[in-house]
N, C-alpha and C. Protein backbone atom coordinates (compact mmCIF):
# COMPACT_ATOMS: atom_id res chain seq x y z
N MET A 1 0.82 -1.20 0.00
CA MET A 1 0.00 0.00 0.00
C MET A 1 0.86 1.25 0.00
N ARG A 2 1.89 1.29 0.84
CA ARG A 2 2.74 2.46 0.91
C ARG A 2 3.54 2.66 -0.38
N LYS A 3 3.93 1.55 -1.00
CA LYS A 3 4.68 1.67 -2.24
C LYS A 3 3.82 2.37 -3.29
N GLY A 4 2.53 2.10 -3.28
CA GLY A 4 1.61 2.77 -4.18
C GLY A 4 1.50 4.25 -3.87
N LEU A 5 1.59 4.59 -2.59
CA LEU A 5 1.52 5.99 -2.19
C LEU A 5 2.73 6.76 -2.70
N ALA A 6 3.91 6.16 -2.63
CA ALA A 6 5.12 6.81 -3.15
C ALA A 6 5.00 7.00 -4.66
N ALA A 7 4.47 6.03 -5.34
CA ALA A 7 4.28 6.14 -6.79
C ALA A 7 3.29 7.26 -7.12
N GLN A 8 2.24 7.36 -6.34
CA GLN A 8 1.26 8.42 -6.56
C GLN A 8 1.88 9.79 -6.32
N ARG A 9 2.72 9.89 -5.31
CA ARG A 9 3.40 11.16 -5.05
C ARG A 9 4.34 11.53 -6.19
N LEU A 10 5.03 10.54 -6.74
CA LEU A 10 5.93 10.82 -7.86
C LEU A 10 5.15 11.27 -9.09
N VAL A 11 4.00 10.68 -9.31
CA VAL A 11 3.16 11.11 -10.43
C VAL A 11 2.67 12.55 -10.20
N ALA A 12 2.32 12.87 -8.97
CA ALA A 12 1.88 14.23 -8.64
C ALA A 12 3.01 15.23 -8.86
N VAL A 13 4.24 14.87 -8.50
CA VAL A 13 5.39 15.75 -8.72
C VAL A 13 5.63 15.93 -10.21
N PHE A 14 5.47 14.86 -10.98
CA PHE A 14 5.63 14.96 -12.43
C PHE A 14 4.61 15.92 -13.03
N ILE A 15 3.37 15.80 -12.62
CA ILE A 15 2.32 16.69 -13.14
C ILE A 15 2.58 18.13 -12.71
N ALA A 16 3.00 18.33 -11.46
CA ALA A 16 3.33 19.68 -11.00
C ALA A 16 4.49 20.25 -11.80
N GLY A 17 5.49 19.42 -12.10
CA GLY A 17 6.61 19.87 -12.91
C GLY A 17 6.19 20.27 -14.30
N MET A 18 5.29 19.49 -14.89
CA MET A 18 4.80 19.84 -16.23
C MET A 18 4.05 21.17 -16.20
N LEU A 19 3.27 21.40 -15.17
CA LEU A 19 2.53 22.66 -15.08
C LEU A 19 3.47 23.84 -14.81
N LEU A 20 4.44 23.64 -13.93
CA LEU A 20 5.35 24.74 -13.58
C LEU A 20 6.31 25.09 -14.71
N LEU A 21 6.60 24.13 -15.58
CA LEU A 21 7.55 24.37 -16.66
C LEU A 21 6.85 24.50 -18.02
N ASN A 22 5.57 24.83 -18.01
CA ASN A 22 4.81 24.98 -19.23
C ASN A 22 4.65 26.45 -19.59
N TYR A 23 4.21 26.72 -20.80
CA TYR A 23 4.19 28.07 -21.33
C TYR A 23 3.48 29.12 -20.48
N PRO A 24 2.25 28.93 -20.04
CA PRO A 24 1.59 30.06 -19.37
C PRO A 24 2.36 30.58 -18.16
N LEU A 25 2.91 29.71 -17.35
CA LEU A 25 3.69 30.18 -16.19
C LEU A 25 5.04 30.75 -16.60
N LEU A 26 5.67 30.15 -17.59
CA LEU A 26 6.96 30.66 -18.04
C LEU A 26 6.83 32.07 -18.59
N SER A 27 5.73 32.37 -19.23
CA SER A 27 5.55 33.70 -19.79
C SER A 27 5.44 34.77 -18.70
N LEU A 28 5.01 34.38 -17.51
CA LEU A 28 4.94 35.34 -16.40
C LEU A 28 6.34 35.81 -15.97
N PHE A 29 7.34 34.95 -16.15
CA PHE A 29 8.68 35.26 -15.70
C PHE A 29 9.60 35.71 -16.84
N ASP A 30 9.08 35.80 -18.05
CA ASP A 30 9.88 36.22 -19.19
C ASP A 30 9.87 37.74 -19.28
N ARG A 31 10.63 38.36 -18.41
CA ARG A 31 10.72 39.82 -18.33
C ARG A 31 12.19 40.22 -18.33
N PRO A 32 12.48 41.44 -18.72
CA PRO A 32 13.88 41.88 -18.76
C PRO A 32 14.48 42.17 -17.38
N GLU A 33 13.74 41.92 -16.31
CA GLU A 33 14.22 42.20 -14.95
C GLU A 33 15.29 41.19 -14.54
N ARG A 34 16.16 41.62 -13.63
CA ARG A 34 17.22 40.75 -13.13
C ARG A 34 17.19 40.71 -11.61
N VAL A 35 17.52 39.56 -11.06
CA VAL A 35 17.63 39.39 -9.61
C VAL A 35 19.07 38.95 -9.34
N PHE A 36 19.80 39.77 -8.64
CA PHE A 36 21.22 39.52 -8.37
C PHE A 36 22.00 39.31 -9.67
N GLY A 37 21.61 40.01 -10.73
CA GLY A 37 22.29 39.92 -12.01
C GLY A 37 21.89 38.74 -12.86
N ILE A 38 20.91 37.95 -12.40
CA ILE A 38 20.47 36.76 -13.14
C ILE A 38 19.09 37.09 -13.73
N PRO A 39 18.88 36.82 -15.01
CA PRO A 39 17.55 37.05 -15.59
C PRO A 39 16.48 36.27 -14.83
N LEU A 40 15.33 36.90 -14.68
CA LEU A 40 14.24 36.33 -13.87
C LEU A 40 13.81 34.96 -14.39
N LEU A 41 13.73 34.79 -15.70
CA LEU A 41 13.30 33.50 -16.26
C LEU A 41 14.29 32.39 -15.93
N HIS A 42 15.59 32.68 -16.03
CA HIS A 42 16.60 31.67 -15.72
C HIS A 42 16.56 31.30 -14.24
N LEU A 43 16.39 32.29 -13.39
CA LEU A 43 16.30 32.02 -11.96
C LEU A 43 15.09 31.16 -11.64
N TYR A 44 13.95 31.47 -12.25
CA TYR A 44 12.74 30.67 -12.04
C TYR A 44 12.96 29.22 -12.48
N LEU A 45 13.54 29.05 -13.67
CA LEU A 45 13.75 27.69 -14.18
C LEU A 45 14.65 26.87 -13.26
N PHE A 46 15.75 27.45 -12.81
CA PHE A 46 16.67 26.70 -11.96
C PHE A 46 16.09 26.43 -10.57
N VAL A 47 15.33 27.38 -10.03
CA VAL A 47 14.72 27.16 -8.71
C VAL A 47 13.65 26.06 -8.79
N VAL A 48 12.81 26.10 -9.81
CA VAL A 48 11.77 25.08 -9.97
C VAL A 48 12.41 23.71 -10.23
N TRP A 49 13.39 23.68 -11.11
CA TRP A 49 14.06 22.41 -11.42
C TRP A 49 14.72 21.83 -10.17
N GLY A 50 15.45 22.66 -9.42
CA GLY A 50 16.09 22.19 -8.20
C GLY A 50 15.08 21.72 -7.17
N GLY A 51 13.97 22.45 -7.06
CA GLY A 51 12.92 22.04 -6.13
C GLY A 51 12.31 20.71 -6.49
N LEU A 52 12.08 20.49 -7.78
CA LEU A 52 11.53 19.21 -8.22
C LEU A 52 12.51 18.07 -7.94
N VAL A 53 13.79 18.30 -8.18
CA VAL A 53 14.79 17.28 -7.90
C VAL A 53 14.82 16.95 -6.41
N LEU A 54 14.76 17.97 -5.56
CA LEU A 54 14.77 17.73 -4.12
C LEU A 54 13.54 16.97 -3.65
N VAL A 55 12.38 17.31 -4.18
CA VAL A 55 11.15 16.62 -3.78
C VAL A 55 11.18 15.16 -4.23
N VAL A 56 11.63 14.91 -5.45
CA VAL A 56 11.73 13.52 -5.93
C VAL A 56 12.73 12.73 -5.08
N ALA A 57 13.86 13.33 -4.77
CA ALA A 57 14.86 12.65 -3.93
C ALA A 57 14.29 12.34 -2.56
N TRP A 58 13.54 13.28 -2.00
CA TRP A 58 12.94 13.06 -0.68
C TRP A 58 11.94 11.91 -0.72
N ILE A 59 11.10 11.86 -1.77
CA ILE A 59 10.12 10.79 -1.89
C ILE A 59 10.80 9.43 -2.05
N VAL A 60 11.82 9.38 -2.91
CA VAL A 60 12.50 8.12 -3.18
C VAL A 60 13.29 7.64 -1.97
N GLU A 61 13.97 8.54 -1.28
CA GLU A 61 14.76 8.15 -0.11
C GLU A 61 13.86 7.74 1.06
N ARG A 62 12.71 8.32 1.15
CA ARG A 62 11.79 7.99 2.23
C ARG A 62 11.32 6.56 2.10
N GLY A 63 11.15 6.11 0.87
CA GLY A 63 10.75 4.74 0.65
C GLY A 63 9.36 4.41 1.11
N PRO A 64 9.00 3.16 1.07
CA PRO A 64 7.64 2.74 1.48
C PRO A 64 7.55 2.55 2.99
N ARG A 65 7.51 3.64 3.73
CA ARG A 65 7.40 3.55 5.20
C ARG A 65 5.98 3.48 5.64
């Protein structure tokens, strides 16, 4: 049962990643503004990507507890 829960969480993270990295949200961050010298779109992409990697690692390492 728990193994199924981890799989469901991974599917949810995948869907969230698809939504966060899709056009409508990306267009919100496609501006000429910079944060600490980094373009806003690049910062958004790396923060979202890193967050998704951390969440997936947390789910996988947690295992079927």
